[in-house]
Amino acid sequence: MYKNLLCYDVVYHIIEYVKGKVVELKKYNFFKKIFKSQK
């Protein structure tokens, strides 16, 4: 039972990490577009 909980915890953290990275990438691309259109 405890082992399963630990696995779930690790998977949860990985998902949160990936979500954070995706958001950062989207922001980066968004700002890049704005920057390009301003030039």
PDB file of N, CA and C in Angstrom:
ATOM      1  N   MET A   1       0.843  -1.205   0.000  1.00  0.00           N
ATOM      2  CA  MET A   1       0.000   0.000   0.000  1.00  0.00           C
ATOM      3  C   MET A   1       0.882   1.261   0.000  1.00  0.00           C
ATOM      4  N   TYR A   2       1.839   1.277   0.904  1.00  0.00           N
ATOM      5  CA  TYR A   2       2.713   2.451   1.007  1.00  0.00           C
ATOM      6  C   TYR A   2       3.531   2.645  -0.271  1.00  0.00           C
ATOM      7  N   LYS A   3       3.963   1.519  -0.836  1.00  0.00           N
ATOM      8  CA  LYS A   3       4.756   1.567  -2.070  1.00  0.00           C
ATOM      9  C   LYS A   3       3.937   2.212  -3.192  1.00  0.00           C
ATOM     10  N   ASN A   4       2.680   1.819  -3.294  1.00  0.00           N
ATOM     11  CA  ASN A   4       1.806   2.375  -4.333  1.00  0.00           C
ATOM     12  C   ASN A   4       1.630   3.872  -4.143  1.00  0.00           C
ATOM     13  N   LEU A   5       1.509   4.279  -2.890  1.00  0.00           N
ATOM     14  CA  LEU A   5       1.336   5.690  -2.565  1.00  0.00           C
ATOM     15  C   LEU A   5       2.564   6.472  -3.017  1.00  0.00           C
ATOM     16  N   LEU A   6       3.731   5.891  -2.778  1.00  0.00           N
ATOM     17  CA  LEU A   6       4.989   6.533  -3.156  1.00  0.00           C
ATOM     18  C   LEU A   6       5.062   6.686  -4.673  1.00  0.00           C
ATOM     19  N   CYS A   7       4.691   5.630  -5.393  1.00  0.00           N
ATOM     20  CA  CYS A   7       4.689   5.665  -6.861  1.00  0.00           C
ATOM     21  C   CYS A   7       3.762   6.768  -7.351  1.00  0.00           C
ATOM     22  N   TYR A   8       2.583   6.841  -6.757  1.00  0.00           N
ATOM     23  CA  TYR A   8       1.604   7.848  -7.145  1.00  0.00           C
ATOM     24  C   TYR A   8       2.168   9.245  -6.925  1.00  0.00           C
ATOM     25  N   ASP A   9       2.859   9.419  -5.782  1.00  0.00           N
ATOM     26  CA  ASP A   9       3.445  10.707  -5.434  1.00  0.00           C
ATOM     27  C   ASP A   9       4.476  11.122  -6.478  1.00  0.00           C
ATOM     28  N   VAL A  10       5.322  10.179  -6.875  1.00  0.00           N
ATOM     29  CA  VAL A  10       6.365  10.470  -7.867  1.00  0.00           C
ATOM     30  C   VAL A  10       5.732  10.851  -9.201  1.00  0.00           C
ATOM     31  N   VAL A  11       4.748  10.073  -9.628  1.00  0.00           N
ATOM     32  CA  VAL A  11       4.066  10.352 -10.898  1.00  0.00           C
ATOM     33  C   VAL A  11       3.408  11.728 -10.851  1.00  0.00           C
ATOM     34  N   TYR A  12       2.776  12.039  -9.719  1.00  0.00           N
ATOM     35  CA  TYR A  12       2.111  13.333  -9.554  1.00  0.00           C
ATOM     36  C   TYR A  12       3.117  14.473  -9.710  1.00  0.00           C
ATOM     37  N   HIS A  13       4.278  14.325  -9.074  1.00  0.00           N
ATOM     38  CA  HIS A  13       5.287  15.379  -9.161  1.00  0.00           C
ATOM     39  C   HIS A  13       5.824  15.529 -10.578  1.00  0.00           C
ATOM     40  N   ILE A  14       5.984  14.413 -11.271  1.00  0.00           N
ATOM     41  CA  ILE A  14       6.467  14.470 -12.657  1.00  0.00           C
ATOM     42  C   ILE A  14       5.452  15.208 -13.525  1.00  0.00           C
ATOM     43  N   ILE A  15       4.165  14.891 -13.338  1.00  0.00           N
ATOM     44  CA  ILE A  15       3.109  15.537 -14.129  1.00  0.00           C
ATOM     45  C   ILE A  15       3.097  17.039 -13.856  1.00  0.00           C
ATOM     46  N   GLU A  16       3.197  17.416 -12.580  1.00  0.00           N
ATOM     47  CA  GLU A  16       3.204  18.836 -12.219  1.00  0.00           C
ATOM     48  C   GLU A  16       4.398  19.536 -12.868  1.00  0.00           C
ATOM     49  N   TYR A  17       5.550  18.867 -12.846  1.00  0.00           N
ATOM     50  CA  TYR A  17       6.777  19.430 -13.418  1.00  0.00           C
ATOM     51  C   TYR A  17       6.613  19.654 -14.918  1.00  0.00           C
ATOM     52  N   VAL A  18       6.063  18.641 -15.593  1.00  0.00           N
ATOM     53  CA  VAL A  18       5.868  18.733 -17.045  1.00  0.00           C
ATOM     54  C   VAL A  18       4.883  19.850 -17.374  1.00  0.00           C
ATOM     55  N   LYS A  19       3.807  19.941 -16.583  1.00  0.00           N
ATOM     56  CA  LYS A  19       2.812  20.998 -16.811  1.00  0.00           C
ATOM     57  C   LYS A  19       3.468  22.364 -16.693  1.00  0.00           C
ATOM     58  N   GLY A  20       4.323  22.508 -15.685  1.00  0.00           N
ATOM     59  CA  GLY A  20       5.041  23.769 -15.478  1.00  0.00           C
ATOM     60  C   GLY A  20       5.916  24.108 -16.673  1.00  0.00           C
ATOM     61  N   LYS A  21       6.603  23.101 -17.204  1.00  0.00           N
ATOM     62  CA  LYS A  21       7.488  23.313 -18.356  1.00  0.00           C
ATOM     63  C   LYS A  21       6.681  23.721 -19.581  1.00  0.00           C
ATOM     64  N   VAL A  22       5.531  23.080 -19.779  1.00  0.00           N
ATOM     65  CA  VAL A  22       4.680  23.389 -20.936  1.00  0.00           C
ATOM     66  C   VAL A  22       4.206  24.835 -20.857  1.00  0.00           C
ATOM     67  N   VAL A  23       3.806  25.256 -19.660  1.00  0.00           N
ATOM     68  CA  VAL A  23       3.343  26.634 -19.472  1.00  0.00           C
ATOM     69  C   VAL A  23       4.475  27.608 -19.775  1.00  0.00           C
ATOM     70  N   GLU A  24       5.679  27.297 -19.292  1.00  0.00           N
ATOM     71  CA  GLU A  24       6.836  28.157 -19.553  1.00  0.00           C
ATOM     72  C   GLU A  24       7.100  28.265 -21.046  1.00  0.00           C
ATOM     73  N   LEU A  25       7.011  27.144 -21.741  1.00  0.00           N
ATOM     74  CA  LEU A  25       7.252  27.130 -23.187  1.00  0.00           C
ATOM     75  C   LEU A  25       6.222  27.976 -23.913  1.00  0.00           C
ATOM     76  N   LYS A  26       4.957  27.834 -23.514  1.00  0.00           N
ATOM     77  CA  LYS A  26       3.882  28.607 -24.153  1.00  0.00           C
ATOM     78  C   LYS A  26       4.114  30.091 -23.948  1.00  0.00           C
ATOM     79  N   LYS A  27       4.479  30.477 -22.713  1.00  0.00           N
ATOM     80  CA  LYS A  27       4.758  31.883 -22.411  1.00  0.00           C
ATOM     81  C   LYS A  27       5.906  32.372 -23.273  1.00  0.00           C
ATOM     82  N   TYR A  28       6.957  31.558 -23.370  1.00  0.00           N
ATOM     83  CA  TYR A  28       8.149  31.919 -24.135  1.00  0.00           C
ATOM     84  C   TYR A  28       7.788  32.165 -25.596  1.00  0.00           C
ATOM     85  N   ASN A  29       7.028  31.249 -26.189  1.00  0.00           N
ATOM     86  CA  ASN A  29       6.627  31.390 -27.590  1.00  0.00           C
ATOM     87  C   ASN A  29       5.732  32.606 -27.777  1.00  0.00           C
ATOM     88  N   PHE A  30       4.849  32.837 -26.798  1.00  0.00           N
ATOM     89  CA  PHE A  30       3.930  33.972 -26.849  1.00  0.00           C
ATOM     90  C   PHE A  30       4.706  35.285 -26.858  1.00  0.00           C
ATOM     91  N   PHE A  31       5.683  35.410 -25.940  1.00  0.00           N
ATOM     92  CA  PHE A  31       6.469  36.640 -25.865  1.00  0.00           C
ATOM     93  C   PHE A  31       7.353  36.808 -27.096  1.00  0.00           C
ATOM     94  N   LYS A  32       7.822  35.680 -27.645  1.00  0.00           N
ATOM     95  CA  LYS A  32       8.651  35.734 -28.846  1.00  0.00           C
ATOM     96  C   LYS A  32       7.837  36.311 -30.001  1.00  0.00           C
ATOM     97  N   LYS A  33       6.575  35.884 -30.094  1.00  0.00           N
ATOM     98  CA  LYS A  33       5.687  36.375 -31.155  1.00  0.00           C
ATOM     99  C   LYS A  33       5.474  37.878 -31.009  1.00  0.00           C
ATOM    100  N   ILE A  34       5.199  38.314 -29.776  1.00  0.00           N
ATOM    101  CA  ILE A  34       4.971  39.742 -29.513  1.00  0.00           C
ATOM    102  C   ILE A  34       6.224  40.531 -29.875  1.00  0.00           C
ATOM    103  N   PHE A  35       7.370  40.006 -29.455  1.00  0.00           N
ATOM    104  CA  PHE A  35       8.641  40.679 -29.709  1.00  0.00           C
ATOM    105  C   PHE A  35       8.889  40.821 -31.204  1.00  0.00           C
ATOM    106  N   LYS A  36       8.599  39.766 -31.951  1.00  0.00           N
ATOM    107  CA  LYS A  36       8.799  39.786 -33.404  1.00  0.00           C
ATOM    108  C   LYS A  36       7.865  40.796 -34.066  1.00  0.00           C
ATOM    109  N   SER A  37       6.611  40.840 -33.610  1.00  0.00           N
ATOM    110  CA  SER A  37       5.638  41.734 -34.237  1.00  0.00           C
ATOM    111  C   SER A  37       5.938  43.195 -33.910  1.00  0.00           C
ATOM    112  N   GLN A  38       6.667  43.454 -32.832  1.00  0.00           N
ATOM    113  CA  GLN A  38       7.005  44.831 -32.458  1.00  0.00           C
ATOM    114  C   GLN A  38       8.182  45.352 -33.271  1.00  0.00           C
ATOM    115  N   LYS A  39       9.047  44.458 -33.715  1.00  0.00           N
ATOM    116  CA  LYS A  39      10.232  44.880 -34.480  1.00  0.00           C
ATOM    117  C   LYS A  39       9.850  45.499 -35.804  1.00  0.00           C
TER     118      LYS A  39
END
